[in-house]
Amino acid sequence: MRINRDAFVTRAQAAMVTAVSPDSIGKWRARGWLNDAGERQFLTTKRLANGNLLYRLGDILDAERDTAHNPNSRRGGTRPAAQLRATPSSSRVRAHEERQAPSTGAAQQEARPPRSRSTLVAA
């Protein structure tokens, strides 16, 4: 079976073919995507008389392929785990330090005044 890459499809059809969200299709149209050579590409569209957009199937397939294999893309699954998150988030570090800190009991609680909602908003 041969695919006609010059055929035009709706955004919902394009999303179904590529297994990405319709929002991704819209972003590829608005922002474009980077191909393997690092050049920005854009979708070819055709506007119908009723105002709806149709997208060229070949461009949709190229965008899906390029973003799936691009290490800088959120969809790129070829990045090592170290590149996905270089440092742990600060809230995670804080939670870990709180768990590791020795508890001093009631003495520490008395030394620190209780924080009320109004105190938090003012701070």
Protein backbone atom coordinates (compact mmCIF):
# COMPACT_ATOMS: atom_id res chain seq x y z
CA MET A 1 0.00 0.00 0.00
CA ARG A 2 1.31 3.40 -0.93
CA ILE A 3 0.56 6.59 1.03
CA ASN A 4 -0.22 9.74 -0.89
CA ARG A 5 1.97 12.28 0.91
CA ASP A 6 0.36 15.12 -1.06
CA ALA A 7 -3.11 14.38 0.34
CA PHE A 8 -4.64 16.96 2.68
CA VAL A 9 -6.22 15.90 5.98
CA THR A 10 -7.99 17.63 8.86
CA ARG A 11 -6.25 18.30 12.15
CA ALA A 12 -8.17 15.51 13.88
CA GLN A 13 -7.20 13.04 11.14
CA ALA A 14 -3.57 14.16 11.31
CA ALA A 15 -3.56 13.70 15.09
CA MET A 16 -5.03 10.22 14.74
CA VAL A 17 -2.49 9.16 12.10
CA THR A 18 0.52 10.39 14.09
CA ALA A 19 -0.78 9.56 17.60
CA VAL A 20 -0.12 13.09 18.88
CA SER A 21 -2.61 15.62 20.24
CA PRO A 22 -4.41 18.02 17.92
CA ASP A 23 -2.70 20.82 19.88
CA SER A 24 0.68 19.49 18.71
CA ILE A 25 -0.50 19.72 15.11
CA GLY A 26 -1.49 23.35 15.70
CA LYS A 27 1.89 24.11 17.27
CA TRP A 28 3.74 22.54 14.33
CA ARG A 29 1.73 24.84 12.06
CA ALA A 30 2.36 27.98 14.14
CA ARG A 31 5.94 27.44 15.31
CA GLY A 32 7.26 24.84 12.93
CA TRP A 33 9.76 22.17 13.94
CA LEU A 34 13.44 21.44 13.40
CA ASN A 35 14.37 18.76 10.88
CA ASP A 36 17.45 16.53 11.16
CA ALA A 37 19.66 19.22 9.62
CA GLY A 38 18.47 21.80 12.19
CA GLU A 39 16.41 23.78 9.67
CA ARG A 40 12.99 25.07 10.71
CA GLN A 41 10.14 23.52 8.73
CA PHE A 42 6.47 24.52 8.58
CA LEU A 43 3.32 22.65 7.64
CA THR A 44 1.75 23.22 4.25
CA THR A 45 -1.91 24.09 4.75
CA LYS A 46 -4.93 24.73 2.58
CA ARG A 47 -7.90 26.77 3.79
CA LEU A 48 -11.36 25.66 2.72
CA ALA A 49 -14.18 28.03 1.83
CA ASN A 50 -15.80 27.43 5.24
CA GLY A 51 -12.57 28.52 7.01
CA ASN A 52 -11.32 25.08 8.07
CA LEU A 53 -7.67 24.19 7.56
CA LEU A 54 -6.35 21.09 5.88
CA TYR A 55 -2.78 19.88 6.42
CA ARG A 56 -0.51 18.13 3.92
CA LEU A 57 -0.06 14.54 5.10
CA GLY A 58 3.61 14.37 4.06
CA ASP A 59 4.47 17.39 6.23
CA ILE A 60 2.59 15.90 9.19
CA LEU A 61 4.51 12.63 8.89
CA ASP A 62 7.83 14.49 8.58
CA ALA A 63 7.08 16.62 11.66
CA GLU A 64 6.15 13.56 13.69
CA ARG A 65 9.30 11.72 12.66
CA ASP A 66 11.61 14.68 13.27
CA THR A 67 10.17 15.58 16.69
CA ALA A 68 10.15 11.96 17.83
CA HIS A 69 13.89 11.61 17.11
CA ASN A 70 15.04 15.12 18.07
CA PRO A 71 16.90 15.00 21.42
CA ASN A 72 15.81 18.59 22.18
CA SER A 73 12.14 17.79 21.72
CA ARG A 74 9.92 16.77 24.61
CA ARG A 75 8.95 13.78 22.53
CA GLY A 76 12.56 12.78 21.83
CA GLY A 77 13.07 9.52 23.70
CA THR A 78 16.75 9.11 22.87
CA ARG A 79 18.09 11.47 25.56
CA PRO A 80 19.90 9.94 28.53
CA ALA A 81 18.22 10.41 31.90
CA ALA A 82 20.97 12.82 33.05
CA GLN A 83 20.00 15.28 30.31
CA LEU A 84 16.30 15.10 31.10
CA ARG A 85 16.82 16.57 34.56
CA ALA A 86 20.24 17.99 35.29
CA THR A 87 19.45 18.88 38.92
CA PRO A 88 16.64 17.81 41.20
CA SER A 89 13.94 20.38 41.75
CA SER A 90 14.33 22.60 44.82
CA SER A 91 11.09 21.39 46.41
CA ARG A 92 12.35 17.83 46.19
CA VAL A 93 15.67 18.76 47.80
CA ARG A 94 13.86 20.59 50.60
CA ALA A 95 11.55 17.64 51.27
CA HIS A 96 14.54 15.30 51.36
CA GLU A 97 16.44 17.57 53.79
CA GLU A 98 13.41 17.80 56.06
CA ARG A 99 13.14 14.04 56.18
CA GLN A 100 16.85 13.70 56.96
CA ALA A 101 17.00 16.42 59.63
CA PRO A 102 16.93 15.09 63.21
CA SER A 103 13.77 16.08 65.05
CA THR A 104 14.36 18.18 68.15
CA GLY A 105 10.85 17.68 69.43
CA ALA A 106 8.77 20.22 71.32
CA ALA A 107 11.68 22.62 71.98
CA GLN A 108 11.95 23.48 68.27
CA GLN A 109 8.20 23.97 67.94
CA GLU A 110 8.11 26.39 70.88
CA ALA A 111 11.02 28.44 69.54
CA ARG A 112 9.27 29.06 66.23
CA PRO A 113 5.98 30.99 66.29
CA PRO A 114 3.09 29.27 64.51
CA ARG A 115 2.48 30.51 60.97
CA SER A 116 -1.03 31.59 60.22
CA ARG A 117 -2.51 32.16 56.79
CA SER A 118 -2.34 35.95 57.20
CA THR A 119 1.36 35.70 58.11
CA LEU A 120 2.06 33.72 54.96
CA VAL A 121 0.22 36.22 52.75
CA ALA A 122 2.04 39.19 54.31
CA ALA A 123 5.46 37.58 53.91
